[in-house]
């Protein structure tokens, strides 16, 4: 009896200890740093290379993660009014939706992850949410806008999650059917009235036949089972179609990134069609709640000090946004650029080497971007912001509360060339507050004297090597509060 009572008290004490003992944040030393490639296209859609071939080359280069973004639905339609959905011209290219289907696409990745158990292969898609037409084929100025304004989507695991994405030319959907019912009912009423008129004779019969055919055509053309509220014939809809997709992916617990592959500063043509407009930096400002955005080796201006990314992060700090935006690095791989596969890497800080930890790191901003030059690159061994008197600290993607000025620790090394000169810009809330220079390995401990009660700030790094290699980190957020509270 006494033994059972002792056991009860012991269990109670242990339980209380576990409940009230605060969990310590994971440091960068406790996390695994794993290099990954983002924005990989292959022959599962319009790409040229077999995914197995890409995986084998990635393994040779010590890349363990591939986030694949095949085109979801490369299709363009132009119809003749008033029956644009019935009498139309279609053009397109191989994509997941029209080539193999989303079920087979996801199943293929399950097979590949079994074949390559030491790799993490994540099926994603690049999707075109919306485009619109101006001009006319008869005037030889038919122009499509926003065709190359795209999203990268990850973390959706069910075929129906993809099929119900509110993107143009997706599967049939009942999501907006109730909104389309009033107009559909008017066509149905005209259809039933026509049946009544057809039973008469003379002019009424002719009118009945005409109404019967036209109402049926209008009902089919109206297409009340479309996947999105927007069509390509309603002109520029600003951010509405894109915010619709962002909200849908968030609702499904997916991850969505703005792609920055092209901005179409120069118009191009596909046959008689002019292709105009793509991603614009202001799109980041005008939209909300996306996970982040993609940068490429030649397009990382968004992350330069004081540009759009800093404006977004400042809005988050001032509670104008619900969530920050993270940057990831990607390289649009095609057949002619296979040797450059590791030119830009997204480096993940993982608790475990599995897909769940990978998606969690991507969602929380526990990544940094590494751009290599001539296969020489930099590695970030440490970046933390801490209370110099306690063990409270934060790493990339985290937010901590401090009642004193923060201490910043940074450690950078080169991957292959030890005598390389390194320059580190320490950025606080959109301003460079200090620049450090030295040879690898470069270890920095910096006491920032800044403190403003009630304010939220962030710290991030821009690191450059003397061979134009660089690192761009995601931010660490700090909320200052009074020591008396």
Protein backbone atom coordinates (compact mmCIF):
# COMPACT_ATOMS: atom_id res chain seq x y z
CA UNK A 1 0.00 0.00 0.00
CA UNK A 2 2.79 2.41 0.99
CA UNK A 3 4.61 1.47 -2.21
CA UNK A 4 1.57 2.41 -4.31
CA UNK A 5 1.22 5.75 -2.49
CA UNK A 6 4.92 6.47 -3.05
CA UNK A 7 4.53 5.58 -6.73
CA UNK A 8 1.53 7.92 -6.99
CA UNK A 9 3.44 10.85 -5.47
CA UNK A 10 6.45 10.18 -7.71
CA UNK A 11 4.30 10.20 -10.87
CA UNK A 12 2.58 13.40 -9.72
CA UNK A 13 5.88 15.19 -9.09
CA UNK A 14 7.28 14.14 -12.49
CA UNK A 15 4.09 15.24 -14.23
CA UNK A 16 4.14 18.66 -12.56
CA UNK A 17 7.81 19.05 -13.49
CA UNK A 18 7.10 18.31 -17.13
CA UNK A 19 4.12 20.65 -17.24
CA UNK A 20 5.77 23.67 -15.63
CA UNK A 21 9.31 23.29 -16.96
CA UNK A 22 9.70 25.62 -19.99
CA UNK A 23 10.88 24.00 -23.18
CA UNK A 24 14.14 25.35 -24.50
CA UNK A 25 14.30 26.52 -28.10
CA UNK A 26 16.38 24.40 -30.41
CA UNK A 27 19.68 26.04 -31.26
CA UNK A 28 21.26 25.89 -34.70
CA UNK A 29 23.78 23.40 -33.31
CA UNK A 30 20.96 21.03 -32.31
CA UNK A 31 19.35 21.25 -35.75
CA UNK A 32 20.60 19.47 -38.85
CA UNK A 33 21.69 21.71 -41.71
CA UNK A 34 20.58 20.09 -44.97
CA UNK A 35 20.98 21.58 -48.45
CA UNK A 36 18.04 21.48 -50.82
CA UNK A 37 17.02 22.53 -54.31
CA UNK A 38 13.77 24.34 -55.05
CA UNK A 39 11.98 24.99 -58.34
CA UNK A 40 12.88 21.76 -60.11
CA UNK A 41 10.99 21.04 -63.35
CA UNK A 42 11.32 17.69 -65.11
CA UNK A 43 9.70 15.42 -67.66
CA UNK A 44 6.65 14.82 -65.46
CA UNK A 45 5.39 18.05 -67.05
CA UNK A 46 7.08 20.32 -69.60
CA UNK A 47 10.64 19.73 -68.40
CA UNK A 48 13.26 17.88 -70.41
CA UNK A 49 15.11 15.89 -67.73
CA UNK A 50 14.06 12.70 -66.01
CA UNK A 51 13.57 13.21 -62.28
CA UNK A 52 15.68 10.12 -61.53
CA UNK A 53 18.58 11.71 -63.41
CA UNK A 54 18.24 14.94 -61.42
CA UNK A 55 18.16 13.00 -58.13
CA UNK A 56 21.36 11.12 -58.97
CA UNK A 57 23.22 14.32 -59.84
CA UNK A 58 21.92 16.02 -56.70
CA UNK A 59 23.24 13.15 -54.58
CA UNK A 60 26.69 13.52 -56.11
CA UNK A 61 26.63 17.20 -55.13
CA UNK A 62 25.55 16.30 -51.57
CA UNK A 63 22.06 17.73 -52.04
CA UNK A 64 19.55 15.76 -49.98
CA UNK A 65 16.30 17.66 -50.61
CA UNK A 66 14.42 18.33 -53.84
CA UNK A 67 11.24 20.42 -53.88
CA UNK A 68 9.84 19.72 -57.32
CA UNK A 69 7.50 22.24 -58.94
CA UNK A 70 6.15 20.86 -62.18
CA UNK A 71 3.63 22.99 -64.06
CA UNK A 72 0.15 22.19 -62.80
CA UNK A 73 -1.92 23.26 -65.80
CA UNK A 74 -0.34 24.91 -68.82
CA UNK A 75 -3.40 25.80 -70.83
CA UNK A 76 -4.65 28.94 -72.53
CA UNK A 77 -8.11 29.42 -74.07
CA UNK A 78 -9.65 32.12 -76.24
CA UNK A 79 -13.32 31.88 -77.18
CA UNK A 80 -15.59 33.70 -79.59
CA UNK A 81 -18.44 35.64 -77.93
CA UNK A 82 -21.16 35.11 -76.93
CA UNK A 83 -20.34 31.42 -76.45
CA UNK A 84 -16.71 31.69 -75.38
CA UNK A 85 -16.67 28.38 -73.50
CA UNK A 86 -18.14 26.45 -76.44
CA UNK A 87 -16.40 27.84 -79.50
CA UNK A 88 -12.80 28.36 -78.48
CA UNK A 89 -9.18 27.80 -79.41
CA UNK A 90 -6.95 26.00 -76.89
CA UNK A 91 -3.19 25.97 -76.68
CA UNK A 92 -1.00 24.44 -74.02
CA UNK A 93 1.96 22.29 -73.06
CA UNK A 94 2.42 19.08 -71.07
CA UNK A 95 1.57 19.60 -67.41
CA UNK A 96 0.54 17.57 -64.38
CA UNK A 97 -3.18 18.05 -64.90
CA UNK A 98 -3.40 17.32 -68.61
CA UNK A 99 -0.58 14.77 -68.96
CA UNK A 100 -0.50 12.31 -66.06
CA UNK A 101 -3.12 13.49 -63.59
CA UNK A 102 -2.51 14.54 -60.01
CA UNK A 103 -3.12 11.04 -58.60
CA UNK A 104 -0.35 9.54 -60.72
CA UNK A 105 1.88 12.51 -59.97
CA UNK A 106 1.67 12.01 -56.20
CA UNK A 107 2.00 8.24 -56.59
CA UNK A 108 5.20 8.74 -58.59
CA UNK A 109 6.80 10.59 -55.68
CA UNK A 110 5.85 7.84 -53.28
CA UNK A 111 7.71 5.41 -55.54
CA UNK A 112 10.76 7.68 -55.87
CA UNK A 113 11.02 8.20 -52.11
CA UNK A 114 11.12 4.42 -51.73
CA UNK A 115 13.81 4.13 -54.42
CA UNK A 116 15.91 6.93 -52.88
CA UNK A 117 15.36 6.59 -49.10
CA UNK A 118 18.28 8.90 -48.26
CA UNK A 119 16.62 11.77 -50.17
CA UNK A 120 13.56 13.87 -49.37
CA UNK A 121 11.55 14.42 -52.55
CA UNK A 122 8.57 16.76 -52.14
CA UNK A 123 5.89 17.01 -54.84
CA UNK A 124 4.92 20.61 -55.50
CA UNK A 125 3.41 22.47 -58.42
CA UNK A 126 3.83 25.79 -60.16
CA UNK A 127 0.42 27.14 -61.00
CA UNK A 128 -1.01 30.01 -63.04
CA UNK A 129 -3.88 31.39 -60.96
CA UNK A 130 -5.24 33.80 -63.55
CA UNK A 131 -4.66 35.56 -66.84
CA UNK A 132 -6.74 37.90 -69.00
CA UNK A 133 -7.02 38.92 -72.62
CA UNK A 134 -6.84 42.28 -74.37
CA UNK A 135 -6.87 43.01 -78.08
CA UNK A 136 -8.30 40.76 -80.75
CA UNK A 137 -7.07 37.99 -83.07
CA UNK A 138 -8.72 39.85 -85.94
CA UNK A 139 -6.70 43.00 -85.20
CA UNK A 140 -3.53 40.91 -84.77
CA UNK A 141 -2.91 42.34 -81.29
CA UNK A 142 -4.31 39.56 -79.10
CA UNK A 143 -2.44 39.84 -75.79
CA UNK A 144 -2.49 37.70 -72.68
CA UNK A 145 -1.57 39.33 -69.38
CA UNK A 146 -0.19 37.72 -66.19
CA UNK A 147 0.37 34.33 -67.84
CA UNK A 148 3.74 34.15 -66.11
CA UNK A 149 2.62 35.47 -62.73
CA UNK A 150 2.76 32.20 -60.82
CA UNK A 151 2.81 30.51 -57.41
CA UNK A 152 4.83 27.58 -56.08
CA UNK A 153 2.68 25.35 -53.86
CA UNK A 154 3.87 22.64 -51.45
CA UNK A 155 2.41 20.57 -48.64
CA UNK A 156 -0.84 19.48 -50.32
CA UNK A 157 -1.07 15.71 -50.06
CA UNK A 158 -4.59 14.85 -51.29
CA UNK A 159 -5.53 14.88 -54.98
CA UNK A 160 -8.70 16.80 -54.16
CA UNK A 161 -6.65 19.57 -52.55
CA UNK A 162 -5.14 20.22 -55.98
CA UNK A 163 -8.33 19.68 -57.96
CA UNK A 164 -10.19 22.29 -55.91
CA UNK A 165 -7.52 24.98 -56.17
CA UNK A 166 -9.29 28.15 -57.39
CA UNK A 167 -7.06 28.51 -60.44
CA UNK A 168 -8.16 29.06 -63.97
CA UNK A 169 -8.98 25.93 -66.06
CA UNK A 170 -8.93 23.58 -63.07
CA UNK A 171 -11.36 20.68 -62.47
CA UNK A 172 -15.09 21.19 -62.09
CA UNK A 173 -16.00 22.44 -58.63
CA UNK A 174 -19.19 23.15 -56.66
CA UNK A 175 -17.45 25.72 -54.44
CA UNK A 176 -19.09 28.73 -56.12
CA UNK A 177 -22.15 27.09 -57.61
CA UNK A 178 -24.55 28.89 -55.23
CA UNK A 179 -23.26 32.22 -56.51
CA UNK A 180 -23.93 31.19 -60.09
CA UNK A 181 -27.40 29.72 -59.47
CA UNK A 182 -29.46 32.92 -60.08
CA UNK A 183 -28.16 33.35 -63.63
CA UNK A 184 -28.37 29.60 -64.26
CA UNK A 185 -32.02 29.62 -63.13
CA UNK A 186 -32.83 32.35 -65.65
CA UNK A 187 -31.45 30.18 -68.45
CA UNK A 188 -33.37 27.18 -67.12
CA UNK A 189 -36.62 29.17 -67.02
CA UNK A 190 -36.11 30.26 -70.61
CA UNK A 191 -35.40 26.62 -71.51
CA UNK A 192 -38.69 25.37 -69.97
CA UNK A 193 -40.68 28.22 -71.51
CA UNK A 194 -39.26 27.28 -74.91
CA UNK A 195 -40.56 23.71 -74.49
CA UNK A 196 -44.04 25.15 -73.89
CA UNK A 197 -43.77 27.41 -76.96
CA UNK A 198 -42.57 24.59 -79.23
CA UNK A 199 -45.93 22.86 -78.70
CA UNK A 200 -47.67 25.80 -80.39
CA UNK A 201 -47.80 26.48 -84.11
CA UNK A 202 -46.52 29.14 -86.47
CA UNK A 203 -44.32 31.94 -85.22
CA UNK A 204 -44.54 30.79 -81.59
CA UNK A 205 -43.09 27.42 -82.52
CA UNK A 206 -40.19 29.08 -84.34
CA UNK A 207 -39.55 31.38 -81.37
CA UNK A 208 -39.72 28.36 -79.07
CA UNK A 209 -37.08 26.49 -81.09
CA UNK A 210 -34.81 29.54 -81.14
CA UNK A 211 -35.18 30.07 -77.36
CA UNK A 212 -34.68 26.33 -76.72
CA UNK A 213 -31.35 26.26 -78.59
CA UNK A 214 -30.03 29.59 -77.30
CA UNK A 215 -30.99 29.00 -73.64
CA UNK A 216 -29.37 25.56 -73.71
CA UNK A 217 -26.20 26.99 -75.24
CA UNK A 218 -26.10 29.86 -72.74
CA UNK A 219 -26.60 27.46 -69.82
CA UNK A 220 -23.74 25.22 -70.93
CA UNK A 221 -21.52 28.19 -71.78
CA UNK A 222 -22.16 29.87 -68.40
CA UNK A 223 -20.39 26.94 -66.71
CA UNK A 224 -21.65 27.18 -63.08
CA UNK A 225 -19.18 24.46 -61.99
CA UNK A 226 -16.00 26.45 -62.54
CA UNK A 227 -13.21 26.37 -59.96
CA UNK A 228 -12.74 30.14 -59.61
CA UNK A 229 -14.85 33.27 -59.68
CA UNK A 230 -12.63 34.85 -62.33
CA UNK A 231 -12.40 34.30 -66.08
CA UNK A 232 -9.91 35.44 -68.68
CA UNK A 233 -12.48 37.75 -70.30
CA UNK A 234 -13.20 40.13 -67.39
CA UNK A 235 -10.04 42.22 -67.60
CA UNK A 236 -7.50 42.97 -64.91
CA UNK A 237 -8.69 41.81 -61.48
CA UNK A 238 -5.67 43.13 -59.55
CA UNK A 239 -4.81 40.87 -56.59
CA UNK A 240 -8.26 39.27 -56.12
CA UNK A 241 -7.58 36.01 -58.04
CA UNK A 242 -4.19 35.62 -56.36
CA UNK A 243 -5.45 36.28 -52.85
CA UNK A 244 -8.19 33.73 -53.52
CA UNK A 245 -5.53 31.07 -54.17
CA UNK A 246 -3.43 32.13 -51.17
CA UNK A 247 -6.42 31.87 -48.85
CA UNK A 248 -7.39 28.48 -50.26
CA UNK A 249 -3.90 27.00 -49.81
CA UNK A 250 -3.71 28.33 -46.26
CA UNK A 251 -7.09 26.79 -45.49
CA UNK A 252 -5.68 23.44 -46.65
CA UNK A 253 -2.53 23.86 -44.48
CA UNK A 254 -0.34 24.12 -47.56
CA UNK A 255 2.59 26.43 -48.29
CA UNK A 256 2.49 29.01 -51.07
CA UNK A 257 5.34 31.10 -52.47
CA UNK A 258 5.37 33.81 -55.09
CA UNK A 259 7.57 32.75 -57.99
CA UNK A 260 9.99 35.28 -59.41
CA UNK A 261 11.08 33.45 -62.53
CA UNK A 262 10.10 36.18 -65.00
CA UNK A 263 8.89 39.75 -64.86
CA UNK A 264 8.35 40.14 -68.61
CA UNK A 265 9.94 43.55 -68.96
CA UNK A 266 10.11 42.74 -72.67
CA UNK A 267 7.02 41.34 -74.38
CA UNK A 268 7.36 38.05 -76.21
CA UNK A 269 5.20 36.07 -78.60
CA UNK A 270 3.87 32.54 -78.88
CA UNK A 271 2.62 32.34 -82.45
CA UNK A 272 0.19 35.25 -82.95
CA UNK A 273 -0.26 35.80 -79.17
CA UNK A 274 1.64 38.51 -77.31
CA UNK A 275 2.72 37.48 -73.79
CA UNK A 276 2.76 40.46 -71.44
CA UNK A 277 3.23 41.05 -67.70
CA UNK A 278 4.56 38.73 -65.04
CA UNK A 279 5.52 38.97 -61.39
CA UNK A 280 6.05 42.52 -60.10
CA UNK A 281 7.73 43.38 -56.78
CA UNK A 282 4.63 45.31 -55.71
CA UNK A 283 2.67 42.02 -55.79
CA UNK A 284 4.34 41.15 -52.49
CA UNK A 285 3.04 44.36 -50.92
CA UNK A 286 -0.48 44.08 -52.33
CA UNK A 287 -1.09 40.47 -51.24
CA UNK A 288 -1.27 39.00 -47.74
CA UNK A 289 -0.65 35.77 -45.83
CA UNK A 290 1.45 33.92 -48.40
CA UNK A 291 4.31 31.82 -47.00
CA UNK A 292 7.06 33.61 -48.88
CA UNK A 293 8.68 34.23 -52.23
CA UNK A 294 11.35 32.74 -54.46
CA UNK A 295 14.61 34.46 -55.35
CA UNK A 296 16.97 33.35 -58.12
CA UNK A 297 20.73 33.91 -58.68
CA UNK A 298 20.06 36.96 -60.84
CA UNK A 299 16.91 38.22 -59.09
CA UNK A 300 17.39 38.90 -55.41
CA UNK A 301 16.76 42.65 -55.45
CA UNK A 302 13.66 42.07 -53.30
CA UNK A 303 15.94 41.18 -50.41
CA UNK A 304 18.22 44.20 -50.68
CA UNK A 305 18.07 46.52 -47.72
CA UNK A 306 15.00 48.76 -47.70
CA UNK A 307 13.26 47.03 -50.61
CA UNK A 308 9.92 45.20 -50.69
CA UNK A 309 10.86 42.42 -48.30
CA UNK A 310 11.89 44.82 -45.56
CA UNK A 311 8.64 46.74 -46.04
CA UNK A 312 6.68 43.52 -45.55
CA UNK A 313 8.64 42.53 -42.45
CA UNK A 314 8.15 46.02 -40.98
CA UNK A 315 4.41 45.72 -41.60
CA UNK A 316 4.44 42.44 -39.72
CA UNK A 317 6.32 44.03 -36.81
CA UNK A 318 3.74 46.83 -36.63
CA UNK A 319 0.83 44.32 -36.67
CA UNK A 320 -0.31 45.30 -40.17
CA UNK A 321 0.20 41.69 -41.28
CA UNK A 322 -0.74 38.45 -39.58
CA UNK A 323 2.39 36.67 -40.73
CA UNK A 324 5.85 37.47 -42.10
CA UNK A 325 7.10 36.35 -45.51
CA UNK A 326 10.12 34.06 -45.90
CA UNK A 327 12.51 33.99 -48.82
CA UNK A 328 13.75 30.77 -50.42
CA UNK A 329 16.25 30.31 -53.23
CA UNK A 330 15.53 28.44 -56.44
CA UNK A 331 16.96 27.83 -59.87
CA UNK A 332 14.76 27.23 -62.92
CA UNK A 333 16.38 24.01 -64.05
CA UNK A 334 16.17 23.01 -67.71
CA UNK A 335 18.11 20.72 -70.00
CA UNK A 336 20.86 23.21 -70.77
CA UNK A 337 21.61 24.09 -67.15
CA UNK A 338 22.09 20.72 -65.47
CA UNK A 339 25.67 21.51 -64.52
CA UNK A 340 24.39 24.55 -62.58
CA UNK A 341 21.93 22.52 -60.51
CA UNK A 342 23.46 23.65 -57.20
CA UNK A 343 24.07 27.30 -58.13
CA UNK A 344 21.46 28.42 -55.60
CA UNK A 345 20.43 26.33 -52.63
CA UNK A 346 17.89 26.61 -49.87
CA UNK A 347 19.53 25.35 -46.69
CA UNK A 348 17.10 23.87 -44.16
CA UNK A 349 17.53 23.60 -40.39
CA UNK A 350 15.77 20.33 -39.58
CA UNK A 351 14.89 18.60 -36.35
CA UNK A 352 14.74 15.29 -38.27
CA UNK A 353 15.51 14.33 -41.84
CA UNK A 354 11.96 13.71 -43.01
CA UNK A 355 9.24 15.43 -44.99
CA UNK A 356 7.29 16.59 -41.93
CA UNK A 357 10.32 18.39 -40.47
CA UNK A 358 11.16 19.82 -43.89
CA UNK A 359 7.71 21.36 -44.39
CA UNK A 360 7.74 22.64 -40.80
CA UNK A 361 11.10 24.37 -41.40
CA UNK A 362 9.77 25.86 -44.64
CA UNK A 363 6.66 27.15 -42.90
CA UNK A 364 8.57 28.62 -39.94
CA UNK A 365 11.34 30.26 -41.96
CA UNK A 366 14.11 28.02 -40.65
CA UNK A 367 16.05 28.34 -43.88
CA UNK A 368 18.63 30.49 -45.57
CA UNK A 369 19.57 30.92 -49.21
CA UNK A 370 23.07 30.12 -50.44
CA UNK A 371 24.25 31.37 -53.85
CA UNK A 372 27.43 29.75 -55.15
CA UNK A 373 29.93 31.08 -57.65
CA UNK A 374 32.27 28.67 -59.45
CA UNK A 375 31.14 26.00 -56.95
CA UNK A 376 32.63 28.00 -54.09
CA UNK A 377 30.16 28.99 -51.44
CA UNK A 378 29.59 30.03 -47.85
CA UNK A 379 28.06 28.21 -44.91
CA UNK A 380 26.33 29.81 -41.95
CA UNK A 381 27.27 27.87 -38.83
CA UNK A 382 25.52 30.19 -36.39
CA UNK A 383 23.11 33.11 -36.37
CA UNK A 384 21.35 33.83 -33.10
CA UNK A 385 19.92 36.72 -31.13
CA UNK A 386 19.93 36.34 -27.36
CA UNK A 387 19.65 37.87 -23.93
CA UNK A 388 23.30 38.24 -22.79
CA UNK A 389 22.34 37.46 -19.18
CA UNK A 390 20.10 34.42 -19.74
CA UNK A 391 19.74 31.42 -22.04
CA UNK A 392 16.88 33.00 -23.99
CA UNK A 393 17.78 33.09 -27.67
CA UNK A 394 16.23 32.83 -31.10
CA UNK A 395 17.35 31.54 -34.47
CA UNK A 396 16.04 32.15 -37.99
CA UNK A 397 12.27 32.16 -38.18
CA UNK A 398 11.78 32.51 -34.44
CA UNK A 399 10.50 35.34 -32.25
CA UNK A 400 11.80 36.02 -28.76
CA UNK A 401 10.98 38.54 -26.03
CA UNK A 402 13.80 40.48 -24.38
CA UNK A 403 13.95 43.01 -21.56
CA UNK A 404 17.53 44.04 -22.40
CA UNK A 405 19.48 44.97 -25.51
CA UNK A 406 20.20 41.87 -27.62
CA UNK A 407 23.44 40.02 -28.24
CA UNK A 408 23.98 38.76 -31.80
CA UNK A 409 26.25 35.84 -32.62
CA UNK A 410 27.32 34.96 -36.18
CA UNK A 411 29.69 32.33 -37.55
CA UNK A 412 30.45 32.02 -41.28
CA UNK A 413 32.86 29.69 -43.07
CA UNK A 414 33.66 28.99 -46.70
CA UNK A 415 32.93 25.61 -48.21
CA UNK A 416 36.16 25.12 -50.18
CA UNK A 417 38.39 28.21 -50.01
CA UNK A 418 39.56 29.06 -46.48
CA UNK A 419 41.29 32.36 -47.25
CA UNK A 420 38.24 33.99 -48.81
CA UNK A 421 37.32 37.48 -47.67
CA UNK A 422 33.83 37.63 -46.14
CA UNK A 423 31.59 40.66 -45.63
CA UNK A 424 28.57 40.46 -43.31
CA UNK A 425 25.84 43.12 -43.22
CA UNK A 426 23.80 42.97 -40.02
CA UNK A 427 20.35 44.41 -40.73
CA UNK A 428 17.89 45.57 -38.12
CA UNK A 429 14.40 46.44 -39.31
CA UNK A 430 15.47 47.43 -42.81
CA UNK A 431 18.69 49.26 -41.95
CA UNK A 432 22.29 48.05 -41.97
CA UNK A 433 23.51 48.68 -38.42
CA UNK A 434 26.97 47.17 -38.79
CA UNK A 435 29.24 45.58 -41.41
CA UNK A 436 31.87 43.02 -40.44
CA UNK A 437 34.75 41.92 -42.67
CA UNK A 438 37.37 39.23 -42.31
CA UNK A 439 38.68 35.95 -43.61
CA UNK A 440 37.07 32.57 -43.13
CA UNK A 441 36.25 31.38 -40.55
CA UNK A 442 34.60 34.62 -39.45
CA UNK A 443 33.14 34.57 -35.92
CA UNK A 444 31.24 37.61 -34.68
CA UNK A 445 29.78 38.58 -31.32
CA UNK A 446 27.97 41.90 -31.43
CA UNK A 447 26.16 43.70 -28.62
CA UNK A 448 23.43 45.88 -30.09
CA UNK A 449 22.66 48.80 -27.79
CA UNK A 450 19.16 49.23 -29.22
CA UNK A 451 16.18 48.84 -26.89
CA UNK A 452 12.72 50.36 -27.14
CA UNK A 453 10.03 49.08 -24.84
CA UNK A 454 6.99 47.62 -26.60
CA UNK A 455 8.60 47.61 -30.06
CA UNK A 456 9.08 44.56 -32.26
CA UNK A 457 12.16 44.50 -34.51
CA UNK A 458 13.93 41.93 -36.63
CA UNK A 459 17.49 41.03 -37.49
CA UNK A 460 18.69 39.41 -40.70
CA UNK A 461 21.98 38.98 -42.56
CA UNK A 462 23.38 39.66 -46.02
CA UNK A 463 26.70 37.84 -46.39
CA UNK A 464 29.02 38.08 -49.41
CA UNK A 465 32.27 36.36 -50.36
CA UNK A 466 34.96 37.90 -52.53
CA UNK A 467 33.96 35.57 -55.38
CA UNK A 468 30.36 36.89 -55.45
CA UNK A 469 29.02 33.95 -53.47
CA UNK A 470 26.48 35.04 -50.89
CA UNK A 471 24.06 34.06 -48.14
CA UNK A 472 20.67 35.66 -47.43
CA UNK A 473 19.06 34.68 -44.15
CA UNK A 474 15.50 34.75 -42.93
CA UNK A 475 14.89 37.11 -39.99
CA UNK A 476 14.85 36.66 -36.24
CA UNK A 477 12.16 38.74 -34.52
CA UNK A 478 12.62 40.43 -31.14
CA UNK A 479 9.89 41.95 -28.97
CA UNK A 480 11.18 44.33 -26.29
CA UNK A 481 9.33 44.59 -22.98
CA UNK A 482 9.93 46.31 -19.69
CA UNK A 483 12.08 44.62 -17.06
CA UNK A 484 9.47 45.52 -14.44
CA UNK A 485 6.75 43.47 -16.11
